[in-house]
Protein backbone atom coordinates (compact mmCIF):
# COMPACT_ATOMS: atom_id res chain seq x y z
CA UNK A 1 -8.92 -16.70 -21.83
CA UNK A 2 -8.83 -14.19 -18.98
CA UNK A 3 -5.86 -12.69 -17.16
CA UNK A 4 -4.82 -14.28 -13.90
CA UNK A 5 -2.92 -13.07 -10.88
CA UNK A 6 -0.60 -16.08 -10.78
CA UNK A 7 1.68 -15.38 -7.85
CA UNK A 8 2.56 -12.59 -5.41
CA UNK A 9 5.85 -12.06 -3.57
CA UNK A 10 6.12 -9.83 -0.50
CA UNK A 11 8.98 -8.15 1.35
CA UNK A 12 9.37 -5.91 4.40
CA UNK A 13 12.40 -3.97 5.63
CA UNK A 14 14.11 -5.18 8.80
CA UNK A 15 12.22 -6.48 11.80
CA UNK A 16 8.72 -5.38 12.88
CA UNK A 17 8.48 -2.41 15.23
CA UNK A 18 5.75 -2.59 17.84
CA UNK A 19 3.14 0.16 17.67
CA UNK A 20 3.76 1.22 21.26
CA UNK A 21 7.46 1.80 20.49
CA UNK A 22 6.54 4.03 17.55
CA UNK A 23 4.11 5.90 19.81
CA UNK A 24 6.88 6.49 22.34
CA UNK A 25 9.12 7.87 19.57
CA UNK A 26 6.35 10.23 18.43
CA UNK A 27 5.62 11.48 21.95
CA UNK A 28 9.26 12.51 22.30
CA UNK A 29 9.67 13.80 18.74
CA UNK A 30 6.62 16.05 19.16
CA UNK A 31 7.78 17.05 22.65
CA UNK A 32 4.34 16.30 24.13
CA UNK A 33 3.27 16.96 27.71
CA UNK A 34 1.59 14.25 29.80
CA UNK A 35 -1.94 15.09 28.66
CA UNK A 36 -1.13 15.14 24.94
CA UNK A 37 0.96 11.99 25.33
CA UNK A 38 -2.07 10.17 26.74
CA UNK A 39 -4.21 11.38 23.84
CA UNK A 40 -1.67 10.18 21.30
CA UNK A 41 -1.34 6.82 23.03
CA UNK A 42 -5.10 6.40 22.78
CA UNK A 43 -4.96 7.01 19.00
CA UNK A 44 -2.28 4.34 18.64
CA UNK A 45 -4.16 1.81 20.77
CA UNK A 46 -7.30 2.26 18.68
CA UNK A 47 -5.49 2.11 15.33
CA UNK A 48 -5.98 -1.63 14.83
CA UNK A 49 -2.22 -1.89 14.27
CA UNK A 50 0.06 -4.05 16.43
CA UNK A 51 3.29 -3.53 14.50
CA UNK A 52 4.76 -1.98 11.37
CA UNK A 53 7.95 -2.15 9.33
CA UNK A 54 10.20 0.79 8.49
CA UNK A 55 13.31 1.42 6.44
CA UNK A 56 14.41 3.58 9.39
CA UNK A 57 15.48 1.91 12.63
CA UNK A 58 15.04 5.16 14.56
CA UNK A 59 11.35 4.56 15.31
CA UNK A 60 12.23 1.74 17.70
CA UNK A 61 14.50 3.99 19.79
CA UNK A 62 13.45 6.29 22.62
CA UNK A 63 16.89 7.84 23.09
CA UNK A 64 17.97 10.41 20.49
CA UNK A 65 21.57 9.30 20.91
CA UNK A 66 20.66 6.03 19.19
CA UNK A 67 19.23 7.66 16.04
CA UNK A 68 20.88 6.71 12.77
CA UNK A 69 18.89 8.85 10.33
CA UNK A 70 17.44 11.70 12.37
CA UNK A 71 19.82 14.11 14.14
CA UNK A 72 20.94 13.01 17.61
CA UNK A 73 19.13 15.76 19.49
CA UNK A 74 15.70 16.36 21.02
CA UNK A 75 14.61 18.85 18.35
CA UNK A 76 15.69 16.58 15.45
CA UNK A 77 17.45 19.53 13.90
CA UNK A 78 18.56 20.02 11.22
CA UNK A 79 15.45 18.14 10.10
CA UNK A 80 16.21 15.77 7.17
CA UNK A 81 15.57 17.28 3.75
CA UNK A 82 13.70 15.64 0.90
CA UNK A 83 17.05 14.92 -0.73
CA UNK A 84 18.19 12.95 2.33
CA UNK A 85 14.97 10.94 2.33
CA UNK A 86 15.25 10.17 -1.37
CA UNK A 87 18.75 8.82 -0.75
CA UNK A 88 17.19 6.29 1.63
CA UNK A 89 14.59 5.41 -0.99
CA UNK A 90 17.23 4.98 -3.68
CA UNK A 91 19.22 2.64 -1.42
CA UNK A 92 16.43 0.58 0.13
CA UNK A 93 13.69 0.40 -2.54
CA UNK A 94 15.65 -1.72 -5.07
CA UNK A 95 16.61 -4.18 -2.31
CA UNK A 96 13.00 -4.62 -1.20
CA UNK A 97 11.83 -4.84 -4.81
CA UNK A 98 14.36 -7.56 -5.65
CA UNK A 99 13.33 -9.63 -2.64
CA UNK A 100 9.64 -9.40 -3.55
CA UNK A 101 10.35 -10.31 -7.19
CA UNK A 102 12.46 -13.32 -6.24
CA UNK A 103 9.66 -14.67 -4.05
CA UNK A 104 7.03 -14.03 -6.71
CA UNK A 105 8.94 -15.71 -9.54
CA UNK A 106 10.02 -18.65 -7.37
CA UNK A 107 6.34 -19.50 -6.82
CA UNK A 108 5.65 -19.39 -10.55
CA UNK A 109 8.93 -21.11 -11.55
CA UNK A 110 9.77 -18.32 -13.97
CA UNK A 111 13.08 -16.56 -14.58
CA UNK A 112 13.35 -12.75 -14.73
CA UNK A 113 14.34 -12.97 -18.42
CA UNK A 114 10.91 -14.46 -19.18
CA UNK A 115 9.08 -11.30 -18.00
CA UNK A 116 7.90 -9.24 -20.97
CA UNK A 117 6.55 -6.15 -19.17
CA UNK A 118 7.51 -4.49 -15.87
CA UNK A 119 5.21 -1.95 -14.20
CA UNK A 120 6.65 -0.01 -11.25
CA UNK A 121 4.35 1.66 -8.71
CA UNK A 122 5.37 4.08 -5.96
CA UNK A 123 4.17 7.34 -4.45
CA UNK A 124 6.86 7.62 -1.75
CA UNK A 125 9.95 7.93 -3.90
CA UNK A 126 11.06 8.57 -7.45
CA UNK A 127 14.24 9.08 -9.42
CA UNK A 128 15.45 8.44 -12.94
CA UNK A 129 16.28 6.04 -14.46
CA UNK A 130 14.43 4.48 -11.49
CA UNK A 131 13.99 1.41 -9.30
CA UNK A 132 12.94 -0.70 -12.28
CA UNK A 133 16.14 0.12 -14.15
CA UNK A 134 18.25 -0.71 -11.11
CA UNK A 135 16.79 -4.21 -10.92
CA UNK A 136 16.58 -5.02 -14.64
CA UNK A 137 20.33 -5.54 -14.98
CA UNK A 138 21.02 -6.82 -11.47
CA UNK A 139 18.28 -9.47 -11.63
CA UNK A 140 18.78 -10.56 -15.23
CA UNK A 141 15.68 -9.19 -16.94
CA UNK A 142 15.78 -9.17 -20.74
CA UNK A 143 17.12 -5.97 -22.26
CA UNK A 144 13.95 -5.60 -24.33
CA UNK A 145 11.54 -5.83 -21.38
CA UNK A 146 8.95 -3.05 -21.60
CA UNK A 147 8.86 -0.87 -18.48
CA UNK A 148 6.27 1.56 -17.17
CA UNK A 149 6.04 3.68 -14.02
CA UNK A 150 2.97 4.77 -12.05
CA UNK A 151 3.88 7.49 -9.55
CA UNK A 152 2.07 9.56 -6.94
CA UNK A 153 -1.39 8.01 -7.27
CA UNK A 154 -1.47 6.95 -3.63
CA UNK A 155 -3.06 3.93 -1.99
CA UNK A 156 -5.14 2.90 -5.01
CA UNK A 157 -2.24 2.86 -7.51
CA UNK A 158 -1.86 -0.94 -7.49
CA UNK A 159 -5.35 -1.20 -8.97
CA UNK A 160 -4.18 0.83 -11.95
CA UNK A 161 -1.12 -1.38 -12.27
CA UNK A 162 -3.31 -4.50 -12.35
CA UNK A 163 -5.66 -2.91 -14.89
CA UNK A 164 -2.72 -1.97 -17.11
CA UNK A 165 -1.35 -5.52 -16.85
CA UNK A 166 -4.74 -6.99 -17.77
CA UNK A 167 -5.00 -4.80 -20.84
CA UNK A 168 -1.47 -5.73 -21.91
CA UNK A 169 -2.32 -9.42 -21.57
CA UNK A 170 -5.49 -8.95 -23.61
CA UNK A 171 -3.55 -7.29 -26.42
CA UNK A 172 -0.59 -9.70 -26.16
CA UNK A 173 -1.86 -13.12 -24.99
CA UNK A 174 1.69 -14.46 -24.44
CA UNK A 175 2.69 -11.52 -22.19
CA UNK A 176 4.05 -12.16 -18.72
CA UNK A 177 3.60 -8.91 -16.78
CA UNK A 178 5.22 -8.14 -13.46
CA UNK A 179 3.54 -5.43 -11.37
CA UNK A 180 5.96 -4.14 -8.74
CA UNK A 181 4.89 -1.84 -5.91
CA UNK A 182 7.37 -0.45 -3.39
CA UNK A 183 6.56 2.15 -0.73
CA UNK A 184 8.71 3.67 2.02
CA UNK A 185 6.05 5.77 3.70
CA UNK A 186 7.88 6.16 7.02
CA UNK A 187 10.85 8.02 5.57
CA UNK A 188 8.49 11.01 5.23
CA UNK A 189 7.87 11.47 8.96
CA UNK A 190 6.80 15.05 9.76
CA UNK A 191 7.32 16.41 13.27
CA UNK A 192 4.82 19.29 13.18
CA UNK A 193 2.03 18.28 15.58
CA UNK A 194 -1.20 18.61 13.60
CA UNK A 195 -4.13 16.36 12.67
CA UNK A 196 -2.74 15.29 9.30
CA UNK A 197 0.64 14.27 10.71
CA UNK A 198 -0.83 12.57 13.78
CA UNK A 199 -2.94 10.29 11.57
CA UNK A 200 -0.21 9.64 8.99
CA UNK A 201 2.44 8.90 11.61
CA UNK A 202 0.08 6.48 13.38
CA UNK A 203 -0.85 4.45 10.29
CA UNK A 204 1.82 4.10 7.65
CA UNK A 205 4.47 1.42 7.19
CA UNK A 206 6.93 0.26 4.52
CA UNK A 207 6.91 -2.73 2.18
CA UNK A 208 7.04 -4.08 -1.35
CA UNK A 209 5.05 -6.58 -3.41
CA UNK A 210 5.53 -8.13 -6.84
CA UNK A 211 2.60 -9.61 -8.79
CA UNK A 212 2.81 -11.85 -11.84
CA UNK A 213 -0.13 -11.47 -14.24
CA UNK A 214 -0.64 -13.55 -17.38
CA UNK A 215 -3.37 -15.40 -19.22
CA UNK A 216 -4.13 -18.84 -17.85
CA UNK A 217 -6.48 -20.98 -15.83
CA UNK A 218 -5.17 -20.95 -12.25
CA UNK A 219 -4.83 -18.07 -9.82
CA UNK A 220 -7.01 -15.07 -9.11
CA UNK A 221 -8.94 -14.44 -12.30
CA UNK A 222 -9.44 -10.78 -13.21
CA UNK A 223 -13.14 -10.37 -14.02
CA UNK A 224 -13.84 -6.64 -14.11
CA UNK A 225 -12.90 -3.29 -12.61
CA UNK A 226 -14.19 0.23 -12.17
CA UNK A 227 -13.27 3.70 -10.97
CA UNK A 228 -15.26 6.43 -9.22
CA UNK A 229 -14.35 9.89 -7.97
CA UNK A 230 -15.84 11.44 -4.83
CA UNK A 231 -15.26 15.19 -5.47
CA UNK A 232 -16.24 16.14 -1.92
CA UNK A 233 -13.00 14.54 -0.68
CA UNK A 234 -10.53 16.41 -2.89
CA UNK A 235 -9.27 18.46 0.05
CA UNK A 236 -9.30 15.61 2.57
CA UNK A 237 -6.67 13.31 1.07
CA UNK A 238 -3.68 14.73 -0.78
CA UNK A 239 0.07 14.23 -1.15
CA UNK A 240 2.66 16.90 -1.97
CA UNK A 241 6.44 17.17 -2.20
CA UNK A 242 7.85 19.52 0.43
CA UNK A 243 11.32 20.63 1.43
CA UNK A 244 11.42 18.09 4.25
CA UNK A 245 9.88 15.02 2.65
CA UNK A 246 6.49 14.30 1.12
CA UNK A 247 3.63 15.88 3.03
CA UNK A 248 0.36 14.02 3.58
CA UNK A 249 -3.07 15.60 3.86
CA UNK A 250 -5.21 13.03 5.67
CA UNK A 251 -8.47 14.19 7.19
CA UNK A 252 -10.37 12.37 9.92
CA UNK A 253 -13.48 12.80 7.74
CA UNK A 254 -12.26 10.31 5.09
CA UNK A 255 -14.02 7.23 6.57
CA UNK A 256 -17.35 9.05 6.55
CA UNK A 257 -16.81 10.33 3.00
CA UNK A 258 -16.03 6.81 1.81
CA UNK A 259 -19.14 5.40 3.48
CA UNK A 260 -21.25 8.10 1.82
CA UNK A 261 -19.57 7.60 -1.55
CA UNK A 262 -19.99 3.81 -1.53
CA UNK A 263 -23.68 4.16 -0.77
CA UNK A 264 -23.91 6.62 -3.66
CA UNK A 265 -22.25 4.17 -6.08
CA UNK A 266 -23.78 0.95 -4.69
CA UNK A 267 -26.47 0.74 -7.39
CA UNK A 268 -23.84 0.93 -10.12
CA UNK A 269 -21.72 -1.67 -8.32
CA UNK A 270 -24.68 -4.01 -8.09
CA UNK A 271 -25.23 -3.76 -11.82
CA UNK A 272 -21.53 -4.05 -12.71
CA UNK A 273 -20.31 -6.62 -10.17
CA UNK A 274 -23.41 -8.37 -8.81
CA UNK A 275 -22.58 -6.90 -5.41
CA UNK A 276 -25.35 -8.66 -3.45
CA UNK A 277 -23.95 -12.07 -4.41
CA UNK A 278 -20.36 -11.41 -3.27
CA UNK A 279 -19.29 -13.03 -0.01
CA UNK A 280 -15.61 -12.10 0.16
CA UNK A 281 -13.99 -8.66 0.17
CA UNK A 282 -10.49 -7.21 0.03
CA UNK A 283 -10.86 -3.64 1.25
CA UNK A 284 -7.74 -1.48 1.34
CA UNK A 285 -6.85 -1.26 5.05
CA UNK A 286 -6.24 2.47 5.13
CA UNK A 287 -7.15 2.47 8.82
CA UNK A 288 -9.46 0.79 11.31
CA UNK A 289 -12.19 3.38 10.86
CA UNK A 290 -12.02 3.08 7.08
CA UNK A 291 -12.54 -0.68 7.29
CA UNK A 292 -15.43 -0.27 9.73
CA UNK A 293 -17.19 2.41 7.67
CA UNK A 294 -16.80 0.62 4.35
CA UNK A 295 -18.02 -2.65 5.84
CA UNK A 296 -21.01 -0.80 7.26
CA UNK A 297 -21.75 0.74 3.86
CA UNK A 298 -21.77 -2.70 2.23
CA UNK A 299 -23.61 -4.31 5.13
CA UNK A 300 -20.93 -7.00 5.50
CA UNK A 301 -19.32 -8.61 8.55
CA UNK A 302 -15.66 -8.30 9.50
CA UNK A 303 -15.09 -12.00 8.79
CA UNK A 304 -15.90 -11.37 5.11
CA UNK A 305 -12.97 -8.95 5.00
CA UNK A 306 -10.74 -10.71 7.54
CA UNK A 307 -7.47 -10.53 5.61
CA UNK A 308 -7.63 -6.74 5.38
CA UNK A 309 -7.92 -6.50 9.16
CA UNK A 310 -5.03 -8.90 9.65
CA UNK A 311 -2.74 -7.07 7.23
CA UNK A 312 -3.55 -3.76 8.95
CA UNK A 313 -2.69 -5.32 12.31
CA UNK A 314 0.61 -6.82 11.17
CA UNK A 315 1.89 -4.21 8.69
CA UNK A 316 -0.13 -1.00 8.95
CA UNK A 317 -1.05 0.98 5.83
CA UNK A 318 1.72 0.62 3.24
CA UNK A 319 -0.03 2.81 0.66
CA UNK A 320 -0.25 1.08 -2.76
CA UNK A 321 1.50 -2.07 -1.50
CA UNK A 322 -1.15 -2.89 1.10
CA UNK A 323 -3.89 -4.31 -1.13
CA UNK A 324 -1.33 -6.64 -2.73
CA UNK A 325 -0.52 -8.06 0.72
CA UNK A 326 -4.26 -8.65 1.17
CA UNK A 327 -4.58 -10.35 -2.24
CA UNK A 328 -1.59 -12.57 -1.45
CA UNK A 329 -3.33 -13.73 1.73
CA UNK A 330 -6.49 -14.47 -0.26
CA UNK A 331 -4.49 -16.38 -2.86
CA UNK A 332 -3.10 -18.61 -0.08
CA UNK A 333 -6.42 -19.03 1.74
CA UNK A 334 -7.86 -22.43 0.74
CA UNK A 335 -11.24 -21.58 2.31
CA UNK A 336 -11.96 -18.73 -0.11
CA UNK A 337 -13.66 -19.57 -3.40
CA UNK A 338 -15.78 -17.61 -5.83
CA UNK A 339 -15.92 -13.86 -6.38
CA UNK A 340 -13.91 -11.36 -4.33
CA UNK A 341 -14.41 -7.60 -4.57
CA UNK A 342 -11.29 -5.54 -3.87
CA UNK A 343 -11.50 -1.81 -3.16
CA UNK A 344 -8.84 0.88 -2.92
CA UNK A 345 -8.94 4.57 -2.03
CA UNK A 346 -6.63 7.49 -2.59
CA UNK A 347 -6.20 11.16 -3.44
CA UNK A 348 -9.05 12.58 -5.44
CA UNK A 349 -10.91 11.21 -3.41
CA UNK A 350 -10.74 8.18 -5.73
CA UNK A 351 -12.43 4.82 -5.28
CA UNK A 352 -11.02 1.94 -7.35
CA UNK A 353 -12.71 -1.47 -7.54
CA UNK A 354 -11.49 -4.83 -8.83
CA UNK A 355 -13.58 -7.99 -9.18
CA UNK A 356 -11.61 -11.22 -9.11
CA UNK A 357 -12.63 -14.85 -8.81
CA UNK A 358 -10.89 -17.81 -7.25
CA UNK A 359 -11.69 -21.38 -8.24
């Protein structure tokens, strides 16, 4: 019997913030002149994103006097330190995680004490004992639940969480594994006006997702998975801890590198997954250009990857959480049957693939 993704619960902080409001915040935070403001507005209009969620309310305000996290002045000085940002993570992440777990377990009619393994995923915050320890007692998990943490692997980390859960279920057929991903990307806003920050500030949002995986017959059946590294992209996508938050390296060349890499690995994917026979895709919505380039590389139409586009539009790129939002939409979609190929990308440049099937 194969492992199944049984249910997925989602959560987002606060109310959605329209993309144009975030653009207005950025124009003022970067102190842009009229010409640069127009250029930035163009980037936001072409992002494929209509709204995003953030643990910080400040991005919806145009007046510095209204800021609640950033200093109430035009220069945003003193700029919040990494310590300040981690305090936000420590406060908000367990709340989002609990909400996602409650929704996930309600769908499956399980209690927290029935979960045997808990896998936490995040690349936007970390502390010890950790988010998972904060929720184990508060939500009533068993004291002997096994817990694991996957940190700093970026947008593809949920794939590794699912793979770990599958292997646990194969070794312990009665296991009920909860994969929990929580990302607060927006707390790491950087005000230096450069290409990396422009792209990161235009794309990322916050959210959490909880996924129940166990052996069974209903759900999204885990069929196979793979991993490939594109060495040429090692310097184009990276993530480092700085004095003023986590700093993203995000090159505009990533979509092209992914397109090239997928073409390079397509023969292996055909052999492993039967690529030519797959009609449905769940491509990590890292950005509009990424979706377009990857679809072009596979020779597929946007409608075959429609949920990725919709999640990007409604939530932005939530790092590792994003693909779980896409899979939840596929799980609910009664028109999708058969094989689905999910793809994720992250620092490395790493390409993760997951083949699932839906009856």
